N, C-alpha and C. Protein backbone atom coordinates (compact mmCIF):
# COMPACT_ATOMS: atom_id res chain seq x y z
N MET A 1 12.90 72.43 -27.21
CA MET A 1 13.66 71.30 -27.38
C MET A 1 13.10 70.47 -28.54
N SER A 2 13.88 70.08 -29.50
CA SER A 2 13.38 69.32 -30.62
C SER A 2 12.98 67.88 -30.18
N LYS A 3 11.81 67.49 -30.65
CA LYS A 3 11.30 66.16 -30.22
C LYS A 3 12.13 65.03 -30.83
N ASP A 4 12.95 65.24 -31.87
CA ASP A 4 13.61 64.21 -32.54
C ASP A 4 15.15 64.25 -32.25
N TRP A 5 15.53 64.84 -31.13
CA TRP A 5 16.94 64.95 -30.80
C TRP A 5 17.61 63.62 -30.54
N GLY A 6 16.91 62.61 -30.27
CA GLY A 6 17.57 61.29 -30.00
C GLY A 6 17.80 60.54 -31.34
N TYR A 7 17.26 61.07 -32.45
CA TYR A 7 17.44 60.37 -33.79
C TYR A 7 18.62 60.76 -34.51
N SER A 8 19.43 61.69 -34.03
CA SER A 8 20.60 62.13 -34.72
C SER A 8 21.61 60.97 -34.81
N THR A 9 22.24 60.84 -36.01
CA THR A 9 23.33 59.91 -36.19
C THR A 9 24.69 60.39 -35.79
N ASP A 10 24.77 61.62 -35.27
CA ASP A 10 26.04 62.20 -34.89
C ASP A 10 26.46 61.60 -33.55
N TYR A 11 27.64 61.03 -33.52
CA TYR A 11 28.11 60.54 -32.29
C TYR A 11 29.41 61.04 -31.79
N SER A 12 29.74 62.30 -32.29
CA SER A 12 30.91 63.03 -31.94
C SER A 12 30.81 63.34 -30.41
N PRO A 13 31.94 63.65 -29.82
CA PRO A 13 31.91 63.99 -28.29
C PRO A 13 30.94 65.17 -28.04
N THR A 14 30.98 66.08 -28.87
CA THR A 14 30.02 67.21 -28.75
C THR A 14 28.57 66.79 -28.84
N ALA A 15 28.31 65.93 -29.84
CA ALA A 15 26.90 65.51 -30.04
C ALA A 15 26.47 64.67 -28.82
N MET A 16 27.36 63.80 -28.27
CA MET A 16 27.00 62.89 -27.21
C MET A 16 26.77 63.71 -25.93
N ALA A 17 27.63 64.82 -25.79
CA ALA A 17 27.46 65.66 -24.60
C ALA A 17 26.13 66.35 -24.61
N ASP A 18 25.66 66.77 -25.88
CA ASP A 18 24.43 67.40 -26.02
C ASP A 18 23.32 66.41 -25.76
N PHE A 19 23.51 65.10 -26.18
CA PHE A 19 22.54 64.08 -25.95
C PHE A 19 22.30 63.92 -24.44
N GLU A 20 23.46 63.87 -23.77
CA GLU A 20 23.33 63.55 -22.31
C GLU A 20 22.70 64.83 -21.56
N LYS A 21 22.96 66.06 -22.01
CA LYS A 21 22.25 67.17 -21.46
C LYS A 21 20.74 67.03 -21.68
N ARG A 22 20.33 66.77 -22.84
CA ARG A 22 18.96 66.68 -23.12
C ARG A 22 18.31 65.49 -22.42
N LEU A 23 19.03 64.38 -22.34
CA LEU A 23 18.53 63.27 -21.67
C LEU A 23 18.30 63.55 -20.15
N SER A 24 19.08 64.33 -19.50
CA SER A 24 18.92 64.66 -18.13
C SER A 24 17.73 65.60 -17.91
N ARG A 25 17.32 66.32 -19.06
CA ARG A 25 16.18 67.14 -18.89
C ARG A 25 14.87 66.47 -19.24
N ALA A 26 15.05 65.24 -19.82
CA ALA A 26 13.80 64.53 -20.21
C ALA A 26 13.11 63.97 -18.98
N ARG A 27 11.79 63.67 -19.15
CA ARG A 27 11.04 63.15 -18.09
C ARG A 27 11.57 61.71 -17.64
N PRO A 28 11.78 61.45 -16.45
CA PRO A 28 12.37 60.19 -16.01
C PRO A 28 11.78 58.99 -16.59
N GLY A 29 10.43 59.02 -16.89
CA GLY A 29 9.83 57.90 -17.51
C GLY A 29 10.11 57.68 -19.01
N ASP A 30 10.73 58.72 -19.57
CA ASP A 30 11.08 58.60 -21.03
C ASP A 30 12.44 58.25 -21.30
N ARG A 31 13.36 58.28 -20.27
CA ARG A 31 14.75 58.20 -20.48
C ARG A 31 15.17 56.82 -21.09
N ALA A 32 14.68 55.77 -20.63
CA ALA A 32 14.95 54.53 -21.22
C ALA A 32 14.71 54.42 -22.65
N GLN A 33 13.49 55.04 -23.03
CA GLN A 33 13.10 55.06 -24.47
C GLN A 33 14.15 55.94 -25.25
N ASN A 34 14.53 57.07 -24.66
CA ASN A 34 15.45 57.92 -25.34
C ASN A 34 16.88 57.19 -25.54
N LEU A 35 17.29 56.45 -24.56
CA LEU A 35 18.48 55.63 -24.67
C LEU A 35 18.37 54.58 -25.79
N ARG A 36 17.18 54.05 -25.88
CA ARG A 36 16.99 52.92 -26.90
C ARG A 36 17.03 53.55 -28.25
N VAL A 37 16.31 54.63 -28.46
CA VAL A 37 16.26 55.35 -29.83
C VAL A 37 17.61 55.66 -30.26
N LYS A 38 18.40 56.20 -29.41
CA LYS A 38 19.81 56.62 -29.83
C LYS A 38 20.62 55.40 -30.13
N ALA A 39 20.50 54.40 -29.40
CA ALA A 39 21.28 53.15 -29.50
C ALA A 39 20.95 52.49 -30.80
N VAL A 40 19.68 52.36 -31.11
CA VAL A 40 19.22 51.80 -32.46
C VAL A 40 19.69 52.58 -33.65
N VAL A 41 19.59 53.85 -33.53
CA VAL A 41 20.17 54.81 -34.66
C VAL A 41 21.58 54.57 -34.85
N LEU A 42 22.39 54.52 -33.79
CA LEU A 42 23.81 54.36 -33.88
C LEU A 42 24.24 53.00 -34.32
N SER A 43 23.55 52.00 -33.83
CA SER A 43 23.85 50.66 -34.27
C SER A 43 23.54 50.45 -35.78
N GLY A 44 22.66 51.16 -36.34
CA GLY A 44 22.35 51.08 -37.70
C GLY A 44 23.38 51.59 -38.57
N LEU A 45 24.36 52.32 -38.03
CA LEU A 45 25.43 52.79 -38.84
C LEU A 45 26.50 51.80 -39.14
N CYS A 46 26.52 50.69 -38.28
CA CYS A 46 27.45 49.55 -38.47
C CYS A 46 28.94 50.10 -38.51
N GLU A 47 29.22 50.94 -37.59
CA GLU A 47 30.62 51.46 -37.47
C GLU A 47 31.08 51.18 -36.05
N PRO A 48 32.37 50.73 -35.96
CA PRO A 48 32.86 50.31 -34.67
C PRO A 48 32.64 51.23 -33.57
N LYS A 49 32.90 52.57 -33.66
CA LYS A 49 32.82 53.53 -32.64
C LYS A 49 31.32 53.66 -32.26
N ALA A 50 30.47 53.80 -33.33
CA ALA A 50 29.07 53.88 -33.08
C ALA A 50 28.43 52.64 -32.39
N ASP A 51 29.02 51.49 -32.79
CA ASP A 51 28.56 50.23 -32.11
C ASP A 51 28.95 50.26 -30.70
N SER A 52 30.10 50.78 -30.28
CA SER A 52 30.58 50.87 -28.93
C SER A 52 29.66 51.76 -28.08
N ILE A 53 29.32 52.83 -28.72
CA ILE A 53 28.43 53.74 -27.91
C ILE A 53 27.04 53.20 -27.79
N ALA A 54 26.57 52.53 -28.81
CA ALA A 54 25.27 51.95 -28.76
C ALA A 54 25.19 50.89 -27.70
N ILE A 55 26.15 50.04 -27.64
CA ILE A 55 26.27 48.95 -26.60
C ILE A 55 26.26 49.63 -25.23
N GLU A 56 26.99 50.69 -24.99
CA GLU A 56 26.94 51.35 -23.66
C GLU A 56 25.64 51.88 -23.43
N LEU A 57 24.91 52.47 -24.36
CA LEU A 57 23.53 53.02 -24.13
C LEU A 57 22.61 51.93 -23.76
N LEU A 58 22.66 50.80 -24.51
CA LEU A 58 21.75 49.66 -24.17
C LEU A 58 22.07 49.12 -22.81
N SER A 59 23.31 49.02 -22.45
CA SER A 59 23.71 48.52 -21.15
C SER A 59 23.18 49.45 -20.03
N ARG A 60 23.13 50.72 -20.34
CA ARG A 60 22.56 51.66 -19.34
C ARG A 60 21.09 51.42 -19.13
N ILE A 61 20.41 51.12 -20.18
CA ILE A 61 18.99 50.83 -20.03
C ILE A 61 18.78 49.61 -19.00
N ILE A 62 19.67 48.67 -19.05
CA ILE A 62 19.57 47.55 -18.23
C ILE A 62 19.88 47.86 -16.72
N SER A 63 20.99 48.62 -16.59
CA SER A 63 21.51 48.96 -15.27
C SER A 63 20.78 50.11 -14.60
N GLU A 64 20.30 51.12 -15.42
CA GLU A 64 19.66 52.29 -14.78
C GLU A 64 18.21 52.27 -14.82
N HIS A 65 17.61 51.50 -15.60
CA HIS A 65 16.09 51.49 -15.74
C HIS A 65 15.56 50.05 -15.65
N PRO A 66 15.93 49.25 -14.63
CA PRO A 66 15.46 47.85 -14.53
C PRO A 66 13.93 47.74 -14.36
N GLU A 67 13.34 48.81 -13.94
CA GLU A 67 11.84 48.77 -13.75
C GLU A 67 11.05 48.81 -15.02
N VAL A 68 11.75 49.39 -16.08
CA VAL A 68 11.05 49.41 -17.41
C VAL A 68 11.40 48.16 -18.15
N TRP A 69 10.69 47.05 -17.73
CA TRP A 69 11.03 45.70 -18.13
C TRP A 69 11.03 45.49 -19.56
N TYR A 70 10.17 46.06 -20.32
CA TYR A 70 9.97 45.91 -21.81
C TYR A 70 11.19 46.55 -22.52
N GLU A 71 11.67 47.65 -21.99
CA GLU A 71 12.94 48.21 -22.55
C GLU A 71 14.15 47.37 -22.20
N VAL A 72 14.14 46.89 -21.06
CA VAL A 72 15.24 45.95 -20.72
C VAL A 72 15.29 44.69 -21.54
N ASN A 73 14.02 44.20 -21.80
CA ASN A 73 13.93 43.02 -22.81
C ASN A 73 14.45 43.35 -24.14
N PHE A 74 14.14 44.54 -24.56
CA PHE A 74 14.64 44.95 -25.90
C PHE A 74 16.04 45.19 -25.95
N ALA A 75 16.62 45.75 -24.88
CA ALA A 75 18.05 46.01 -24.85
C ALA A 75 18.87 44.68 -24.89
N HIS A 76 18.40 43.71 -24.19
CA HIS A 76 19.11 42.41 -24.20
C HIS A 76 19.05 41.81 -25.60
N GLU A 77 17.94 41.76 -26.18
CA GLU A 77 17.79 41.15 -27.60
C GLU A 77 18.58 41.95 -28.58
N TRP A 78 18.50 43.31 -28.59
CA TRP A 78 19.23 44.13 -29.44
C TRP A 78 20.77 43.95 -29.30
N LEU A 79 21.16 43.88 -28.09
CA LEU A 79 22.60 43.61 -27.82
C LEU A 79 23.06 42.24 -28.36
N GLY A 80 22.17 41.28 -28.34
CA GLY A 80 22.43 39.97 -28.96
C GLY A 80 22.60 40.08 -30.40
N SER A 81 21.69 40.84 -31.04
CA SER A 81 21.76 41.00 -32.48
C SER A 81 23.07 41.73 -32.89
N MET A 82 23.39 42.76 -32.14
CA MET A 82 24.67 43.49 -32.46
C MET A 82 25.88 42.59 -32.29
N TYR A 83 25.96 41.86 -31.20
CA TYR A 83 27.12 40.97 -30.95
C TYR A 83 27.20 39.89 -32.03
N GLU A 84 26.05 39.40 -32.42
CA GLU A 84 26.07 38.43 -33.53
C GLU A 84 26.60 39.00 -34.80
N ARG A 85 26.16 40.21 -35.06
CA ARG A 85 26.71 40.83 -36.29
C ARG A 85 28.14 41.06 -36.21
N MET A 86 28.63 41.38 -35.05
CA MET A 86 30.11 41.65 -34.82
C MET A 86 30.89 40.45 -34.73
N GLY A 87 30.30 39.22 -34.72
CA GLY A 87 31.02 37.94 -34.63
C GLY A 87 31.30 37.61 -33.22
N LYS A 88 30.73 38.24 -32.22
CA LYS A 88 30.93 37.93 -30.87
C LYS A 88 29.82 36.98 -30.40
N PHE A 89 29.95 35.72 -31.00
CA PHE A 89 28.82 34.75 -30.79
C PHE A 89 28.54 34.33 -29.32
N GLU A 90 29.52 34.21 -28.47
CA GLU A 90 29.29 33.88 -27.07
C GLU A 90 28.48 34.94 -26.37
N ASP A 91 28.89 36.20 -26.66
CA ASP A 91 28.20 37.33 -26.05
C ASP A 91 26.68 37.34 -26.60
N ALA A 92 26.56 37.09 -27.92
CA ALA A 92 25.17 37.06 -28.52
C ALA A 92 24.34 36.01 -27.87
N GLU A 93 24.90 34.91 -27.71
CA GLU A 93 24.16 33.74 -27.13
C GLU A 93 23.75 34.01 -25.65
N ARG A 94 24.63 34.66 -24.95
CA ARG A 94 24.29 35.06 -23.54
C ARG A 94 23.08 35.92 -23.50
N GLU A 95 23.13 36.92 -24.37
CA GLU A 95 21.98 37.91 -24.40
C GLU A 95 20.69 37.23 -24.88
N TYR A 96 20.74 36.40 -25.91
CA TYR A 96 19.53 35.72 -26.40
C TYR A 96 18.99 34.80 -25.29
N ARG A 97 19.89 34.13 -24.58
CA ARG A 97 19.48 33.26 -23.48
C ARG A 97 18.71 33.98 -22.37
N TRP A 98 19.20 35.21 -22.15
CA TRP A 98 18.60 36.10 -21.16
C TRP A 98 17.05 36.29 -21.49
N VAL A 99 16.94 36.59 -22.77
CA VAL A 99 15.58 36.96 -23.31
C VAL A 99 14.71 35.73 -23.27
N VAL A 100 15.20 34.60 -23.71
CA VAL A 100 14.46 33.36 -23.70
C VAL A 100 14.09 32.98 -22.24
N LYS A 101 14.93 33.12 -21.33
CA LYS A 101 14.63 32.85 -19.91
C LYS A 101 13.59 33.80 -19.45
N SER A 102 13.62 35.07 -19.86
CA SER A 102 12.54 36.03 -19.43
C SER A 102 11.19 35.55 -19.91
N TYR A 103 11.08 34.90 -21.06
CA TYR A 103 9.77 34.43 -21.61
C TYR A 103 9.11 33.56 -20.63
N GLU A 104 9.86 32.83 -19.76
CA GLU A 104 9.35 31.88 -18.92
C GLU A 104 8.58 32.48 -17.76
N THR A 105 8.84 33.80 -17.45
CA THR A 105 8.22 34.38 -16.27
C THR A 105 6.75 34.74 -16.43
N SER A 106 6.47 35.30 -17.58
CA SER A 106 5.04 35.65 -17.91
C SER A 106 4.90 35.92 -19.37
N GLU A 107 3.55 35.84 -19.82
CA GLU A 107 3.36 36.18 -21.20
C GLU A 107 3.73 37.51 -21.60
N LYS A 108 3.52 38.51 -20.73
CA LYS A 108 3.88 39.79 -21.11
C LYS A 108 5.40 40.08 -21.28
N SER A 109 6.18 39.15 -20.84
CA SER A 109 7.56 39.30 -20.96
C SER A 109 8.09 39.25 -22.39
N ARG A 110 7.32 38.85 -23.30
CA ARG A 110 7.70 38.97 -24.72
C ARG A 110 7.56 40.38 -25.29
N SER A 111 6.85 41.18 -24.61
CA SER A 111 6.78 42.60 -24.99
C SER A 111 8.19 43.22 -25.03
N GLY A 112 8.35 44.05 -26.06
CA GLY A 112 9.69 44.73 -26.18
C GLY A 112 10.64 43.99 -27.02
N THR A 113 10.29 42.69 -27.37
CA THR A 113 11.24 41.87 -28.05
C THR A 113 10.56 41.46 -29.45
N SER A 114 11.30 40.67 -30.16
CA SER A 114 10.79 40.18 -31.42
C SER A 114 9.65 39.24 -31.14
N GLY A 115 9.60 38.65 -30.04
CA GLY A 115 8.61 37.57 -29.60
C GLY A 115 9.07 36.18 -30.00
N VAL A 116 10.14 36.06 -30.73
CA VAL A 116 10.58 34.79 -31.30
C VAL A 116 12.03 34.67 -30.97
N CYS A 117 12.58 34.95 -29.85
CA CYS A 117 13.98 34.84 -29.57
C CYS A 117 14.39 33.44 -29.45
N GLU A 118 13.48 32.52 -29.07
CA GLU A 118 13.84 31.09 -29.10
C GLU A 118 14.32 30.70 -30.44
N LEU A 119 13.65 31.18 -31.51
CA LEU A 119 14.09 30.89 -32.85
C LEU A 119 15.41 31.57 -33.23
N THR A 120 15.62 32.73 -32.79
CA THR A 120 16.88 33.45 -33.00
C THR A 120 18.06 32.64 -32.41
N LEU A 121 17.81 32.19 -31.14
CA LEU A 121 18.82 31.44 -30.46
C LEU A 121 19.16 30.17 -31.17
N ALA A 122 18.07 29.47 -31.58
CA ALA A 122 18.31 28.25 -32.33
C ALA A 122 19.10 28.46 -33.66
N GLU A 123 18.77 29.55 -34.29
CA GLU A 123 19.48 29.92 -35.55
C GLU A 123 20.99 30.16 -35.24
N LEU A 124 21.26 30.76 -34.13
CA LEU A 124 22.64 31.08 -33.75
C LEU A 124 23.35 29.75 -33.45
N ILE A 125 22.75 28.86 -32.82
CA ILE A 125 23.32 27.50 -32.55
C ILE A 125 23.65 26.82 -33.78
N ILE A 126 22.75 26.81 -34.72
CA ILE A 126 22.93 26.28 -36.05
C ILE A 126 24.18 26.98 -36.80
N ARG A 127 24.08 28.26 -36.81
CA ARG A 127 25.14 29.05 -37.51
C ARG A 127 26.54 28.81 -36.95
N THR A 128 26.61 28.58 -35.63
CA THR A 128 27.98 28.37 -35.00
C THR A 128 28.23 26.86 -34.89
N SER A 129 27.50 26.07 -35.53
CA SER A 129 27.71 24.60 -35.60
C SER A 129 28.02 23.90 -34.26
N GLN A 130 27.17 24.30 -33.21
CA GLN A 130 27.31 23.73 -31.89
C GLN A 130 26.52 22.42 -31.80
N SER A 131 27.17 21.41 -32.38
CA SER A 131 26.54 20.04 -32.39
C SER A 131 25.92 19.60 -31.13
N GLY A 132 26.55 19.88 -30.05
CA GLY A 132 26.15 19.44 -28.67
C GLY A 132 24.77 20.09 -28.32
N LYS A 133 24.40 21.11 -28.94
CA LYS A 133 23.19 21.96 -28.68
C LYS A 133 22.10 21.78 -29.76
N PHE A 134 22.31 20.91 -30.73
CA PHE A 134 21.28 20.81 -31.82
C PHE A 134 19.92 20.35 -31.26
N LEU A 135 19.91 19.38 -30.38
CA LEU A 135 18.64 18.92 -29.87
C LEU A 135 18.01 19.99 -28.99
N GLU A 136 18.79 20.79 -28.33
CA GLU A 136 18.19 21.95 -27.63
C GLU A 136 17.63 22.92 -28.65
N ALA A 137 18.22 23.08 -29.78
CA ALA A 137 17.72 24.05 -30.75
C ALA A 137 16.33 23.51 -31.31
N VAL A 138 16.24 22.22 -31.38
CA VAL A 138 14.93 21.57 -31.86
C VAL A 138 13.87 21.99 -30.81
N ASP A 139 14.29 21.85 -29.51
CA ASP A 139 13.32 22.26 -28.42
C ASP A 139 13.04 23.73 -28.46
N LEU A 140 13.97 24.62 -28.80
CA LEU A 140 13.73 25.93 -28.89
C LEU A 140 12.72 26.36 -29.97
N ILE A 141 12.88 25.87 -31.18
CA ILE A 141 11.96 26.21 -32.17
C ILE A 141 10.59 25.76 -31.91
N THR A 142 10.56 24.53 -31.23
CA THR A 142 9.24 24.01 -30.84
C THR A 142 8.56 24.88 -29.87
N GLN A 143 9.27 25.41 -28.92
CA GLN A 143 8.82 26.32 -27.94
C GLN A 143 8.20 27.57 -28.54
N ALA A 144 8.95 28.10 -29.64
CA ALA A 144 8.48 29.23 -30.29
C ALA A 144 7.11 29.03 -30.98
N ALA A 145 6.99 27.86 -31.64
CA ALA A 145 5.77 27.57 -32.29
C ALA A 145 4.58 27.30 -31.19
N LYS A 146 4.93 26.61 -30.16
CA LYS A 146 3.86 26.36 -29.14
C LYS A 146 3.41 27.58 -28.45
N ALA A 147 4.25 28.65 -28.33
CA ALA A 147 3.85 29.86 -27.75
C ALA A 147 2.99 30.67 -28.53
N LYS A 148 2.74 30.27 -29.79
CA LYS A 148 1.98 30.96 -30.83
C LYS A 148 2.58 32.39 -31.00
N ALA A 149 3.90 32.50 -30.91
CA ALA A 149 4.49 33.82 -31.10
C ALA A 149 4.84 34.14 -32.53
N ILE A 150 4.79 33.04 -33.36
CA ILE A 150 5.21 33.18 -34.80
C ILE A 150 3.94 33.58 -35.61
N SER A 151 3.87 34.73 -36.14
CA SER A 151 2.72 35.13 -36.93
C SER A 151 3.11 35.60 -38.35
N PHE A 152 4.23 36.31 -38.48
CA PHE A 152 4.61 36.77 -39.85
C PHE A 152 5.00 35.57 -40.68
N ARG A 153 4.69 35.64 -42.02
CA ARG A 153 5.10 34.62 -42.95
C ARG A 153 6.67 34.50 -42.93
N SER A 154 7.32 35.58 -42.91
CA SER A 154 8.78 35.62 -42.86
C SER A 154 9.42 34.78 -41.74
N ASP A 155 8.71 34.91 -40.59
CA ASP A 155 9.23 34.10 -39.38
C ASP A 155 8.92 32.72 -39.53
N TRP A 156 7.69 32.40 -40.12
CA TRP A 156 7.40 30.93 -40.43
C TRP A 156 8.48 30.41 -41.34
N PHE A 157 8.79 31.20 -42.29
CA PHE A 157 9.95 30.78 -43.17
C PHE A 157 11.21 30.43 -42.46
N ARG A 158 11.54 31.34 -41.49
CA ARG A 158 12.75 31.08 -40.63
C ARG A 158 12.65 29.80 -39.85
N TYR A 159 11.40 29.57 -39.39
CA TYR A 159 11.18 28.42 -38.55
C TYR A 159 11.32 27.15 -39.44
N TRP A 160 10.73 27.05 -40.65
CA TRP A 160 10.91 25.93 -41.50
C TRP A 160 12.34 25.69 -41.97
N LEU A 161 12.93 26.79 -42.27
CA LEU A 161 14.41 26.74 -42.63
C LEU A 161 15.25 26.20 -41.53
N ALA A 162 14.99 26.65 -40.31
CA ALA A 162 15.80 26.14 -39.21
C ALA A 162 15.50 24.67 -38.92
N ALA A 163 14.18 24.32 -39.05
CA ALA A 163 13.76 22.98 -38.88
C ALA A 163 14.41 22.01 -39.91
N ALA A 164 14.47 22.47 -41.12
CA ALA A 164 15.07 21.57 -42.19
C ALA A 164 16.59 21.45 -41.94
N ARG A 165 17.27 22.56 -41.57
CA ARG A 165 18.69 22.42 -41.28
C ARG A 165 18.98 21.57 -40.10
N LEU A 166 18.18 21.61 -39.03
CA LEU A 166 18.36 20.85 -37.88
C LEU A 166 18.09 19.37 -38.22
N ALA A 167 17.05 19.12 -38.95
CA ALA A 167 16.73 17.77 -39.25
C ALA A 167 17.90 17.10 -40.06
N HIS A 168 18.37 17.79 -40.98
CA HIS A 168 19.48 17.32 -41.83
C HIS A 168 20.76 17.10 -40.82
N LEU A 169 21.00 18.04 -40.03
CA LEU A 169 22.18 17.98 -39.14
C LEU A 169 22.17 16.73 -38.20
N ILE A 170 20.95 16.35 -37.80
CA ILE A 170 20.68 15.21 -36.84
C ILE A 170 20.38 13.86 -37.56
N GLY A 171 20.56 13.99 -38.91
CA GLY A 171 20.39 12.78 -39.72
C GLY A 171 18.99 12.42 -40.11
N LYS A 172 18.09 13.29 -40.07
CA LYS A 172 16.64 13.04 -40.41
C LYS A 172 16.41 13.70 -41.78
N ASP A 173 16.93 13.11 -42.76
CA ASP A 173 16.96 13.74 -44.16
C ASP A 173 15.49 13.77 -44.74
N GLU A 174 14.67 12.76 -44.37
CA GLU A 174 13.32 12.75 -44.92
C GLU A 174 12.44 13.96 -44.29
N ASP A 175 12.75 14.16 -43.07
CA ASP A 175 11.99 15.35 -42.36
C ASP A 175 12.62 16.56 -42.99
N ALA A 176 13.91 16.64 -43.17
CA ALA A 176 14.55 17.81 -43.67
C ALA A 176 13.92 18.25 -45.06
N ALA A 177 13.70 17.23 -45.89
CA ALA A 177 13.02 17.38 -47.15
C ALA A 177 11.70 18.01 -47.01
N ASP A 178 10.90 17.50 -46.12
CA ASP A 178 9.56 18.00 -45.88
C ASP A 178 9.52 19.37 -45.40
N PHE A 179 10.43 19.70 -44.39
CA PHE A 179 10.44 21.02 -43.86
C PHE A 179 11.00 22.02 -44.93
N ALA A 180 12.00 21.66 -45.73
CA ALA A 180 12.57 22.50 -46.77
C ALA A 180 11.48 22.86 -47.75
N GLN A 181 10.67 21.86 -48.13
CA GLN A 181 9.59 22.15 -49.06
C GLN A 181 8.56 23.14 -48.58
N LYS A 182 8.25 23.00 -47.20
CA LYS A 182 7.37 24.02 -46.57
C LYS A 182 7.87 25.42 -46.65
N ALA A 183 9.23 25.55 -46.47
CA ALA A 183 9.92 26.82 -46.57
C ALA A 183 9.79 27.41 -47.96
N LEU A 184 10.08 26.53 -48.92
CA LEU A 184 9.95 26.93 -50.33
C LEU A 184 8.56 27.31 -50.71
N ASP A 185 7.63 26.61 -50.24
CA ASP A 185 6.23 26.97 -50.53
C ASP A 185 5.85 28.33 -50.03
N LEU A 186 6.37 28.62 -48.72
CA LEU A 186 6.15 29.94 -48.23
C LEU A 186 6.80 31.08 -49.06
N ALA A 187 7.98 30.84 -49.44
CA ALA A 187 8.74 31.73 -50.27
C ALA A 187 8.07 32.04 -51.58
N ALA A 188 7.37 31.09 -52.10
CA ALA A 188 6.67 31.20 -53.40
C ALA A 188 5.47 32.05 -53.34
N VAL A 189 5.01 32.29 -52.21
CA VAL A 189 3.73 33.11 -52.05
C VAL A 189 4.03 34.54 -52.33
N LYS A 190 3.36 35.14 -53.28
CA LYS A 190 3.69 36.59 -53.66
C LYS A 190 2.64 37.51 -53.11
N GLU A 191 1.41 36.99 -52.80
CA GLU A 191 0.46 37.93 -52.25
C GLU A 191 0.90 38.44 -50.94
N PRO A 192 0.66 39.74 -50.59
CA PRO A 192 1.10 40.27 -49.26
C PRO A 192 0.20 39.70 -48.22
N GLN A 193 0.90 39.41 -47.10
CA GLN A 193 0.12 38.78 -45.96
C GLN A 193 -0.84 39.86 -45.30
N TYR A 194 -0.49 41.09 -45.44
CA TYR A 194 -1.39 42.15 -44.85
C TYR A 194 -1.52 43.27 -45.96
N PRO A 195 -2.64 43.16 -46.68
CA PRO A 195 -2.84 44.07 -47.83
C PRO A 195 -2.63 45.57 -47.61
N ARG A 196 -2.90 46.01 -46.29
CA ARG A 196 -2.66 47.41 -45.96
C ARG A 196 -1.19 47.77 -45.62
N HIS A 197 -0.46 46.65 -45.38
CA HIS A 197 0.96 46.78 -45.21
C HIS A 197 1.68 45.76 -46.09
N PRO A 198 1.81 45.99 -47.30
CA PRO A 198 2.22 45.06 -48.37
C PRO A 198 3.64 44.53 -48.23
N THR A 199 4.49 45.19 -47.37
CA THR A 199 5.85 44.74 -47.32
C THR A 199 6.06 43.91 -45.90
N VAL A 200 5.09 43.95 -45.13
CA VAL A 200 5.26 43.26 -43.77
C VAL A 200 5.00 41.79 -43.91
N GLY A 201 6.04 41.00 -43.39
CA GLY A 201 5.85 39.53 -43.38
C GLY A 201 6.32 38.87 -44.71
N ASN A 202 6.81 39.69 -45.63
CA ASN A 202 7.26 39.06 -46.85
C ASN A 202 8.55 38.24 -46.68
N VAL A 203 8.72 37.23 -47.43
CA VAL A 203 9.82 36.39 -47.37
C VAL A 203 10.88 36.89 -48.37
N LYS A 204 12.10 37.14 -47.80
CA LYS A 204 13.17 37.60 -48.66
C LYS A 204 14.17 36.45 -48.85
N LEU A 205 14.22 35.89 -49.99
CA LEU A 205 14.99 34.66 -50.19
C LEU A 205 16.24 34.94 -51.17
N ASP A 206 17.38 34.78 -50.63
CA ASP A 206 18.57 34.95 -51.50
C ASP A 206 18.91 33.71 -52.19
N ARG A 207 19.77 33.82 -53.21
CA ARG A 207 20.05 32.55 -54.09
C ARG A 207 20.71 31.48 -53.30
N ALA A 208 21.57 31.79 -52.36
CA ALA A 208 22.28 30.71 -51.66
C ALA A 208 21.30 29.91 -50.78
N ILE A 209 20.36 30.54 -50.09
CA ILE A 209 19.39 29.84 -49.29
C ILE A 209 18.48 29.09 -50.22
N LEU A 210 18.12 29.68 -51.33
CA LEU A 210 17.21 28.95 -52.30
C LEU A 210 17.89 27.66 -52.76
N LYS A 211 19.15 27.68 -53.08
CA LYS A 211 19.89 26.44 -53.56
C LYS A 211 19.97 25.47 -52.45
N GLU A 212 20.17 25.94 -51.15
CA GLU A 212 20.30 25.04 -50.00
C GLU A 212 18.91 24.35 -49.78
N LEU A 213 17.83 25.09 -49.79
CA LEU A 213 16.50 24.48 -49.65
C LEU A 213 16.20 23.51 -50.72
N GLN A 214 16.48 23.84 -51.93
CA GLN A 214 16.21 22.93 -53.11
C GLN A 214 16.93 21.69 -52.94
N ALA A 215 18.22 21.79 -52.44
CA ALA A 215 19.00 20.54 -52.22
C ALA A 215 18.47 19.69 -51.13
N LEU A 216 18.00 20.26 -50.01
CA LEU A 216 17.47 19.53 -48.87
C LEU A 216 16.05 18.95 -49.38
N ALA A 217 15.31 19.74 -50.10
CA ALA A 217 13.98 19.21 -50.51
C ALA A 217 14.09 18.11 -51.59
N GLY A 218 15.33 17.91 -52.12
CA GLY A 218 15.48 16.96 -53.17
C GLY A 218 15.39 15.49 -52.63
N HIS A 219 15.50 15.32 -51.27
CA HIS A 219 15.41 14.08 -50.65
C HIS A 219 13.94 13.61 -50.62
N HIS A 220 13.72 12.30 -50.55
CA HIS A 220 12.38 11.78 -50.51
C HIS A 220 11.65 12.31 -49.27
N SER A 221 10.47 12.90 -49.32
CA SER A 221 9.82 13.32 -48.10
C SER A 221 8.79 12.33 -47.63
N GLY A 222 8.96 11.93 -46.39
CA GLY A 222 8.19 10.97 -45.72
C GLY A 222 7.01 11.61 -44.98
N GLY A 223 6.93 12.96 -45.02
CA GLY A 223 5.88 13.56 -44.29
C GLY A 223 5.95 13.51 -42.82
N LYS A 224 7.05 13.26 -42.22
CA LYS A 224 7.20 13.07 -40.77
C LYS A 224 7.31 14.43 -40.15
N VAL A 225 7.22 14.41 -38.79
CA VAL A 225 7.29 15.66 -38.05
C VAL A 225 8.58 15.50 -37.17
N LEU A 226 9.24 16.61 -37.05
CA LEU A 226 10.51 16.67 -36.23
C LEU A 226 10.19 16.38 -34.78
N GLN A 227 10.82 15.41 -34.20
CA GLN A 227 10.46 15.13 -32.85
C GLN A 227 11.60 15.62 -31.87
């Protein structure tokens, strides 16, 4: 049996029947991982039918392998990202909230996830203009920072971008300017964060976000901290 059988992008009925046959022969302890790999491969195609199958596979991790908690964590967060991409924002928020809630149980519960789902949930709240939840979003990004889960420069950039947007949305423009400048400073760093892995943690800044940050940073900075 080929070791990479789960990595095929083929999701035809014949291919999926073969996948199920191989899955049934796999060691029980490996099946959640096999489901995850196939789901991630198919979701990467960004095709409606492939998405549907990927969602089904991820849901099976949750229902059939609840004991493999890190795979379950992964499944919920990946489902959230898929739903968000598909414009199903309520479903995405539900999945992200599940992950954030799991973080409260123990430190190891961040395993299997990005480790910064609080930040992801806050970004979704901002993206969907849920003004009634803006203060909750402030708490969420604060939690992510306090948990010391943010390590990559790219995630710190996301943090300062979210902080700047939130500060502006709740009327703290001086804070927004300060946070926006911090994001711009990070984006300006060209040296790799990890010399042996030169692409890891790099900030990818598109023109629209650059203009947004420049506009926010144009306000007078009072050096305050978002409360």
